[in-house]
Amino acid sequence: MASRVWNCSALSYPKLQKHTQNSKLSFSLPETHSSSSSSSNDHGPRLSKRSLNLSLLVLLFNGSSSKYVARAEESEVLQRYTDSKEGFTLLVPSTFHKVDKAGAVVLFEQVDKGSNNIGVVVNPVRLNTLSQFGSPEFVAGKLIQAEKRKESTKDAELVEIAERAGQGGLKVYEFEYKVDSTRGGMKRIFSAAFVASKKLYLLNITHSDKPESPLDTQTRMMLEQVIHSFDAAPQT
């Protein structure tokens, strides 16, 4: 069945409460642990490259110039992926394909550039909500500790911490930071986390951000849409 195309003017994006950090910190996502899962890939409604409009750009850039409108219209298709068994959903770019990797419930890699990837890890916890685990700053600290244990990490800089409401008021934490690694050089990392049904859901988006080829505005907009779309799957 063909997927219908979303009009971004009808989308309702969550309101973010942002916290910024200027200090340099070393952190990343914890190392994944092997787990098995049977995912249900629900290719639902899609967000067309020509459906982005000025209202979304105002939300993202607080009043951007017309050149960003042109770039947004050229952005790639984002397609809905839902894992009904594990209970999460997110948007995935059409240029990313699903691959198998131990420890990840699902992993998508960019075609011809696998170092750019989107992965989700799900682990059981004894918590009912993410706030019981700690504040966004506390969770960022845990990510920092995990990154410090990696020999490949040379340096990292925290860019932003945010908090938003997800499905049914679910609390979602979002993080953005840069990592300088011996494996692939400079990278931009977008992460999101939430707790639902006594499971910790962790999204990790890694994209190259080298000085000679920095992350461009169009790609950043696309990655922000992906991280904002990460949520608990709707109850059916």
C-alpha atoms as a PDB file:
ATOM      1  CA  MET A   1       0.000   0.000   0.000  1.00  0.00           C
ATOM      2  CA  ALA A   2       1.423   3.393  -0.914  1.00  0.00           C
ATOM      3  CA  SER A   3       2.322   5.692   1.943  1.00  0.00           C
ATOM      4  CA  ARG A   4       0.660   9.053   2.018  1.00  0.00           C
ATOM      5  CA  VAL A   5       2.727  12.220   2.096  1.00  0.00           C
ATOM      6  CA  TRP A   6       2.732  14.489   5.144  1.00  0.00           C
ATOM      7  CA  ASN A   7       2.312  18.215   4.881  1.00  0.00           C
ATOM      8  CA  CYS A   8       4.637  19.814   7.405  1.00  0.00           C
ATOM      9  CA  SER A   9       2.206  22.649   8.009  1.00  0.00           C
ATOM     10  CA  ALA A  10      -0.025  20.115   9.720  1.00  0.00           C
ATOM     11  CA  LEU A  11       2.710  18.647  11.891  1.00  0.00           C
ATOM     12  CA  SER A  12       2.810  19.514  15.575  1.00  0.00           C
ATOM     13  CA  TYR A  13       6.358  19.561  16.878  1.00  0.00           C
ATOM     14  CA  PRO A  14       6.992  19.312  20.631  1.00  0.00           C
ATOM     15  CA  LYS A  15       8.051  22.375  22.541  1.00  0.00           C
ATOM     16  CA  LEU A  16      11.604  21.995  23.761  1.00  0.00           C
ATOM     17  CA  GLN A  17      13.061  23.293  26.988  1.00  0.00           C
ATOM     18  CA  LYS A  18      16.718  23.833  26.167  1.00  0.00           C
ATOM     19  CA  HIS A  19      19.791  23.985  28.373  1.00  0.00           C
ATOM     20  CA  THR A  20      23.135  25.020  26.898  1.00  0.00           C
ATOM     21  CA  GLN A  21      26.645  24.121  28.002  1.00  0.00           C
ATOM     22  CA  ASN A  22      29.908  25.773  27.001  1.00  0.00           C
ATOM     23  CA  SER A  23      32.425  23.584  28.801  1.00  0.00           C
ATOM     24  CA  LYS A  24      34.276  20.820  26.960  1.00  0.00           C
ATOM     25  CA  LEU A  25      33.280  17.357  28.093  1.00  0.00           C
ATOM     26  CA  SER A  26      34.067  13.798  27.018  1.00  0.00           C
ATOM     27  CA  PHE A  27      31.029  11.617  26.508  1.00  0.00           C
ATOM     28  CA  SER A  28      28.938   9.520  24.145  1.00  0.00           C
ATOM     29  CA  LEU A  29      26.381   6.757  24.243  1.00  0.00           C
ATOM     30  CA  PRO A  30      27.156   3.728  26.417  1.00  0.00           C
ATOM     31  CA  GLU A  31      28.475   0.650  24.656  1.00  0.00           C
ATOM     32  CA  THR A  32      25.578  -1.499  23.515  1.00  0.00           C
ATOM     33  CA  HIS A  33      24.883  -4.962  24.886  1.00  0.00           C
ATOM     34  CA  SER A  34      23.844  -7.902  22.810  1.00  0.00           C
ATOM     35  CA  SER A  35      20.107  -8.431  22.651  1.00  0.00           C
ATOM     36  CA  SER A  36      17.649 -10.051  20.303  1.00  0.00           C
ATOM     37  CA  SER A  37      14.442  -8.595  18.980  1.00  0.00           C
ATOM     38  CA  SER A  38      11.934  -9.071  16.198  1.00  0.00           C
ATOM     39  CA  SER A  39      11.107  -5.670  14.762  1.00  0.00           C
ATOM     40  CA  SER A  40       7.949  -4.719  12.953  1.00  0.00           C
ATOM     41  CA  ASN A  41       8.813  -2.198  10.258  1.00  0.00           C
ATOM     42  CA  ASP A  42       5.709  -0.098   9.774  1.00  0.00           C
ATOM     43  CA  HIS A  43       6.241   2.115   6.739  1.00  0.00           C
ATOM     44  CA  GLY A  44       3.496   4.572   7.495  1.00  0.00           C
ATOM     45  CA  PRO A  45       3.002   8.179   6.401  1.00  0.00           C
ATOM     46  CA  ARG A  46       5.989   9.863   4.790  1.00  0.00           C
ATOM     47  CA  LEU A  47       7.255  13.407   4.950  1.00  0.00           C
ATOM     48  CA  SER A  48       7.832  14.656   1.406  1.00  0.00           C
ATOM     49  CA  LYS A  49      10.814  16.789   0.457  1.00  0.00           C
ATOM     50  CA  ARG A  50       8.459  19.376  -1.060  1.00  0.00           C
ATOM     51  CA  SER A  51       6.107  19.631   1.902  1.00  0.00           C
ATOM     52  CA  LEU A  52       8.358  21.647   4.224  1.00  0.00           C
ATOM     53  CA  ASN A  53       7.065  25.194   4.498  1.00  0.00           C
ATOM     54  CA  LEU A  54       7.901  28.525   6.060  1.00  0.00           C
ATOM     55  CA  SER A  55       6.053  27.799   9.303  1.00  0.00           C
ATOM     56  CA  LEU A  56       8.439  24.923  10.099  1.00  0.00           C
ATOM     57  CA  LEU A  57      11.454  27.016   9.185  1.00  0.00           C
ATOM     58  CA  VAL A  58      10.323  29.782  11.501  1.00  0.00           C
ATOM     59  CA  LEU A  59      10.082  27.194  14.272  1.00  0.00           C
ATOM     60  CA  LEU A  60      13.593  25.926  13.591  1.00  0.00           C
ATOM     61  CA  PHE A  61      15.371  29.182  12.805  1.00  0.00           C
ATOM     62  CA  ASN A  62      13.247  31.922  14.389  1.00  0.00           C
ATOM     63  CA  GLY A  63      12.764  33.648  11.054  1.00  0.00           C
ATOM     64  CA  SER A  64      15.165  32.407   8.384  1.00  0.00           C
ATOM     65  CA  SER A  65      15.834  33.852   4.955  1.00  0.00           C
ATOM     66  CA  SER A  66      14.346  32.472   1.755  1.00  0.00           C
ATOM     67  CA  LYS A  67      17.492  30.484   0.896  1.00  0.00           C
ATOM     68  CA  TYR A  68      16.623  28.035   3.680  1.00  0.00           C
ATOM     69  CA  VAL A  69      13.170  27.555   2.157  1.00  0.00           C
ATOM     70  CA  ALA A  70      14.762  26.462  -1.105  1.00  0.00           C
ATOM     71  CA  ARG A  71      17.096  24.078   0.708  1.00  0.00           C
ATOM     72  CA  ALA A  72      14.250  22.602   2.731  1.00  0.00           C
ATOM     73  CA  GLU A  73      12.250  21.901  -0.413  1.00  0.00           C
ATOM     74  CA  GLU A  74      15.182  19.839  -1.670  1.00  0.00           C
ATOM     75  CA  SER A  75      15.433  17.723   1.485  1.00  0.00           C
ATOM     76  CA  GLU A  76      15.036  13.982   1.247  1.00  0.00           C
ATOM     77  CA  VAL A  77      12.006  11.899   2.192  1.00  0.00           C
ATOM     78  CA  LEU A  78      11.596  10.856   5.824  1.00  0.00           C
ATOM     79  CA  GLN A  79       9.680   7.639   6.336  1.00  0.00           C
ATOM     80  CA  ARG A  80       8.032   6.420   9.548  1.00  0.00           C
ATOM     81  CA  TYR A  81       9.571   3.341  11.159  1.00  0.00           C
ATOM     82  CA  THR A  82       7.682   1.699  14.028  1.00  0.00           C
ATOM     83  CA  ASP A  83       8.789  -1.273  16.104  1.00  0.00           C
ATOM     84  CA  SER A  84       5.522  -2.501  17.580  1.00  0.00           C
ATOM     85  CA  LYS A  85       7.165  -5.232  19.640  1.00  0.00           C
ATOM     86  CA  GLU A  86       9.696  -2.994  21.391  1.00  0.00           C
ATOM     87  CA  GLY A  87       7.297  -0.052  21.458  1.00  0.00           C
ATOM     88  CA  PHE A  88       9.006   2.900  19.733  1.00  0.00           C
ATOM     89  CA  THR A  89       8.720   4.933  16.557  1.00  0.00           C
ATOM     90  CA  LEU A  90      10.821   7.455  14.618  1.00  0.00           C
ATOM     91  CA  LEU A  91      11.371   8.965  11.177  1.00  0.00           C
ATOM     92  CA  VAL A  92      14.208   7.618   9.019  1.00  0.00           C
ATOM     93  CA  PRO A  93      15.749   9.262   5.908  1.00  0.00           C
ATOM     94  CA  SER A  94      15.173   7.441   2.628  1.00  0.00           C
ATOM     95  CA  THR A  95      18.931   7.337   1.977  1.00  0.00           C
ATOM     96  CA  PHE A  96      19.496   5.193   5.089  1.00  0.00           C
ATOM     97  CA  HIS A  97      19.033   1.425   4.956  1.00  0.00           C
ATOM     98  CA  LYS A  98      18.528  -1.062   7.777  1.00  0.00           C
ATOM     99  CA  VAL A  99      21.469  -3.255   8.789  1.00  0.00           C
ATOM    100  CA  ASP A 100      22.047  -5.842  11.504  1.00  0.00           C
ATOM    101  CA  LYS A 101      24.307  -5.065  14.439  1.00  0.00           C
ATOM    102  CA  ALA A 102      24.669  -6.863  17.759  1.00  0.00           C
ATOM    103  CA  GLY A 103      23.439  -4.764  20.669  1.00  0.00           C
ATOM    104  CA  ALA A 104      21.160  -2.497  18.656  1.00  0.00           C
ATOM    105  CA  VAL A 105      17.437  -3.161  18.331  1.00  0.00           C
ATOM    106  CA  VAL A 106      17.636  -1.407  14.976  1.00  0.00           C
ATOM    107  CA  LEU A 107      20.396   0.362  13.053  1.00  0.00           C
ATOM    108  CA  PHE A 108      20.155   2.395   9.851  1.00  0.00           C
ATOM    109  CA  GLU A 109      23.244   3.400   7.870  1.00  0.00           C
ATOM    110  CA  GLN A 110      23.524   5.962   5.109  1.00  0.00           C
ATOM    111  CA  VAL A 111      23.996   4.311   1.722  1.00  0.00           C
ATOM    112  CA  ASP A 112      27.686   4.427   0.694  1.00  0.00           C
ATOM    113  CA  LYS A 113      28.600   6.110   4.005  1.00  0.00           C
ATOM    114  CA  GLY A 114      27.950   3.743   6.887  1.00  0.00           C
ATOM    115  CA  SER A 115      29.704   5.978   9.435  1.00  0.00           C
ATOM    116  CA  ASN A 116      26.575   8.167   9.276  1.00  0.00           C
ATOM    117  CA  ASN A 117      24.013   6.111  11.123  1.00  0.00           C
ATOM    118  CA  ILE A 118      20.886   6.061  13.276  1.00  0.00           C
ATOM    119  CA  GLY A 119      20.554   3.434  16.000  1.00  0.00           C
ATOM    120  CA  VAL A 120      18.154   2.531  18.803  1.00  0.00           C
ATOM    121  CA  VAL A 121      19.001   0.545  21.940  1.00  0.00           C
ATOM    122  CA  VAL A 122      16.330  -0.708  24.360  1.00  0.00           C
ATOM    123  CA  ASN A 123      17.177  -2.028  27.835  1.00  0.00           C
ATOM    124  CA  PRO A 124      14.952  -3.084  30.770  1.00  0.00           C
ATOM    125  CA  VAL A 125      15.053  -0.833  33.834  1.00  0.00           C
ATOM    126  CA  ARG A 126      13.295  -0.643  37.193  1.00  0.00           C
ATOM    127  CA  LEU A 127      12.109   2.899  36.558  1.00  0.00           C
ATOM    128  CA  ASN A 128       8.686   4.138  35.541  1.00  0.00           C
ATOM    129  CA  THR A 129       9.851   7.519  34.213  1.00  0.00           C
ATOM    130  CA  LEU A 130      13.090   9.062  32.998  1.00  0.00           C
ATOM    131  CA  SER A 131      12.935  11.741  35.704  1.00  0.00           C
ATOM    132  CA  GLN A 132      13.313   8.991  38.316  1.00  0.00           C
ATOM    133  CA  PHE A 133      16.711   8.291  36.793  1.00  0.00           C
ATOM    134  CA  GLY A 134      17.752  11.929  36.923  1.00  0.00           C
ATOM    135  CA  SER A 135      17.712  15.341  35.265  1.00  0.00           C
ATOM    136  CA  PRO A 136      18.822  15.923  31.655  1.00  0.00           C
ATOM    137  CA  GLU A 137      22.165  17.141  32.995  1.00  0.00           C
ATOM    138  CA  PHE A 138      22.569  13.967  35.070  1.00  0.00           C
ATOM    139  CA  VAL A 139      21.861  11.737  32.071  1.00  0.00           C
ATOM    140  CA  ALA A 140      24.341  13.758  29.989  1.00  0.00           C
ATOM    141  CA  GLY A 141      26.897  13.057  32.699  1.00  0.00           C
ATOM    142  CA  LYS A 142      26.312   9.332  32.330  1.00  0.00           C
ATOM    143  CA  LEU A 143      26.895   9.653  28.600  1.00  0.00           C
ATOM    144  CA  ILE A 144      30.112  11.549  29.335  1.00  0.00           C
ATOM    145  CA  GLN A 145      31.368   8.788  31.604  1.00  0.00           C
ATOM    146  CA  ALA A 146      30.675   6.157  28.964  1.00  0.00           C
ATOM    147  CA  GLU A 147      32.536   8.138  26.300  1.00  0.00           C
ATOM    148  CA  LYS A 148      35.548   8.646  28.566  1.00  0.00           C
ATOM    149  CA  ARG A 149      35.960   4.898  28.751  1.00  0.00           C
ATOM    150  CA  LYS A 150      36.493   4.718  24.985  1.00  0.00           C
ATOM    151  CA  GLU A 151      40.112   4.809  23.878  1.00  0.00           C
ATOM    152  CA  SER A 152      39.068   6.243  20.502  1.00  0.00           C
ATOM    153  CA  THR A 153      37.663   9.468  22.006  1.00  0.00           C
ATOM    154  CA  LYS A 154      40.114  12.372  21.825  1.00  0.00           C
ATOM    155  CA  ASP A 155      37.775  15.196  22.866  1.00  0.00           C
ATOM    156  CA  ALA A 156      34.088  16.138  23.024  1.00  0.00           C
ATOM    157  CA  GLU A 157      32.037  19.285  23.439  1.00  0.00           C
ATOM    158  CA  LEU A 158      28.481  19.397  24.714  1.00  0.00           C
ATOM    159  CA  VAL A 159      26.385  21.683  22.502  1.00  0.00           C
ATOM    160  CA  GLU A 160      22.863  21.482  23.893  1.00  0.00           C
ATOM    161  CA  ILE A 161      20.523  19.663  26.278  1.00  0.00           C
ATOM    162  CA  ALA A 162      16.752  19.777  25.801  1.00  0.00           C
ATOM    163  CA  GLU A 163      13.599  18.268  27.259  1.00  0.00           C
ATOM    164  CA  ARG A 164      10.222  17.719  25.571  1.00  0.00           C
ATOM    165  CA  ALA A 165       6.933  15.906  26.050  1.00  0.00           C
ATOM    166  CA  GLY A 166       6.296  12.795  23.982  1.00  0.00           C
ATOM    167  CA  GLN A 167       3.385  10.367  23.576  1.00  0.00           C
ATOM    168  CA  GLY A 168       0.885  10.849  26.402  1.00  0.00           C
ATOM    169  CA  GLY A 169       3.089  13.419  28.132  1.00  0.00           C
ATOM    170  CA  LEU A 170       6.097  11.082  28.182  1.00  0.00           C
ATOM    171  CA  LYS A 171       9.295  12.900  29.179  1.00  0.00           C
ATOM    172  CA  VAL A 172      11.989  12.814  26.486  1.00  0.00           C
ATOM    173  CA  TYR A 173      15.549  14.118  26.944  1.00  0.00           C
ATOM    174  CA  GLU A 174      17.580  15.264  23.922  1.00  0.00           C
ATOM    175  CA  PHE A 175      21.319  15.894  23.637  1.00  0.00           C
ATOM    176  CA  GLU A 176      23.629  17.285  20.976  1.00  0.00           C
ATOM    177  CA  TYR A 177      27.396  17.193  21.106  1.00  0.00           C
ATOM    178  CA  LYS A 178      30.579  16.975  19.051  1.00  0.00           C
ATOM    179  CA  VAL A 179      33.119  14.189  19.311  1.00  0.00           C
ATOM    180  CA  ASP A 180      36.676  14.123  17.997  1.00  0.00           C
ATOM    181  CA  SER A 181      37.571  10.468  17.526  1.00  0.00           C
ATOM    182  CA  THR A 182      40.504   8.495  16.204  1.00  0.00           C
ATOM    183  CA  ARG A 183      37.847   6.522  14.347  1.00  0.00           C
ATOM    184  CA  GLY A 184      36.436   8.868  11.730  1.00  0.00           C
ATOM    185  CA  GLY A 185      37.541  12.252  13.052  1.00  0.00           C
ATOM    186  CA  MET A 186      35.014  14.937  14.028  1.00  0.00           C
ATOM    187  CA  LYS A 187      31.429  13.778  14.431  1.00  0.00           C
ATOM    188  CA  ARG A 188      28.134  15.412  15.384  1.00  0.00           C
ATOM    189  CA  ILE A 189      25.998  13.325  17.744  1.00  0.00           C
ATOM    190  CA  PHE A 190      22.255  13.734  18.384  1.00  0.00           C
ATOM    191  CA  SER A 191      20.806  11.548  21.145  1.00  0.00           C
ATOM    192  CA  ALA A 192      17.394  11.135  22.749  1.00  0.00           C
ATOM    193  CA  ALA A 193      16.191   9.034  25.658  1.00  0.00           C
ATOM    194  CA  PHE A 194      12.927   8.138  27.370  1.00  0.00           C
ATOM    195  CA  VAL A 195      11.547   5.481  29.723  1.00  0.00           C
ATOM    196  CA  ALA A 196       8.286   3.636  29.027  1.00  0.00           C
ATOM    197  CA  SER A 197       6.912   0.287  30.246  1.00  0.00           C
ATOM    198  CA  LYS A 198      10.031  -0.147  32.412  1.00  0.00           C
ATOM    199  CA  LYS A 199      12.341   0.066  29.398  1.00  0.00           C
ATOM    200  CA  LEU A 200      15.014   2.660  28.642  1.00  0.00           C
ATOM    201  CA  TYR A 201      14.915   3.740  24.993  1.00  0.00           C
ATOM    202  CA  LEU A 202      18.041   5.376  23.600  1.00  0.00           C
ATOM    203  CA  LEU A 203      18.375   6.906  20.124  1.00  0.00           C
ATOM    204  CA  ASN A 204      21.821   7.749  18.772  1.00  0.00           C
ATOM    205  CA  ILE A 205      22.394   9.665  15.506  1.00  0.00           C
ATOM    206  CA  THR A 206      26.004   9.949  14.323  1.00  0.00           C
ATOM    207  CA  HIS A 207      27.014  12.156  11.394  1.00  0.00           C
ATOM    208  CA  SER A 208      30.369  13.297  10.080  1.00  0.00           C
ATOM    209  CA  ASP A 209      31.194  16.933  10.917  1.00  0.00           C
ATOM    210  CA  LYS A 210      34.761  17.396   9.708  1.00  0.00           C
ATOM    211  CA  PRO A 211      36.258  20.895   9.238  1.00  0.00           C
ATOM    212  CA  GLU A 212      36.699  20.279   5.506  1.00  0.00           C
ATOM    213  CA  SER A 213      33.091  19.071   5.141  1.00  0.00           C
ATOM    214  CA  PRO A 214      31.009  20.424   8.049  1.00  0.00           C
ATOM    215  CA  LEU A 215      27.405  19.470   8.722  1.00  0.00           C
ATOM    216  CA  ASP A 216      25.282  21.617   6.392  1.00  0.00           C
ATOM    217  CA  THR A 217      22.033  23.368   7.294  1.00  0.00           C
ATOM    218  CA  GLN A 218      19.802  21.091   5.221  1.00  0.00           C
ATOM    219  CA  THR A 219      21.218  17.896   6.765  1.00  0.00           C
ATOM    220  CA  ARG A 220      21.007  19.360  10.250  1.00  0.00           C
ATOM    221  CA  MET A 221      17.326  20.180   9.728  1.00  0.00           C
ATOM    222  CA  MET A 222      16.694  16.598   8.651  1.00  0.00           C
ATOM    223  CA  LEU A 223      18.536  15.126  11.655  1.00  0.00           C
ATOM    224  CA  GLU A 224      16.628  17.402  14.037  1.00  0.00           C
ATOM    225  CA  GLN A 225      13.349  16.130  12.592  1.00  0.00           C
ATOM    226  CA  VAL A 226      14.533  12.559  13.207  1.00  0.00           C
ATOM    227  CA  ILE A 227      15.445  13.171  16.842  1.00  0.00           C
ATOM    228  CA  HIS A 228      12.206  15.088  17.515  1.00  0.00           C
ATOM    229  CA  SER A 229      10.215  12.181  16.027  1.00  0.00           C
ATOM    230  CA  PHE A 230      11.641   9.574  18.423  1.00  0.00           C
ATOM    231  CA  ASP A 231       8.819   8.526  20.747  1.00  0.00           C
ATOM    232  CA  ALA A 232       6.899   5.645  22.279  1.00  0.00           C
ATOM    233  CA  ALA A 233       4.760   3.831  19.732  1.00  0.00           C
ATOM    234  CA  PRO A 234       1.061   4.809  19.899  1.00  0.00           C
ATOM    235  CA  GLN A 235      -1.152   2.384  21.789  1.00  0.00           C
ATOM    236  CA  THR A 236      -3.386   0.341  19.474  1.00  0.00           C
END
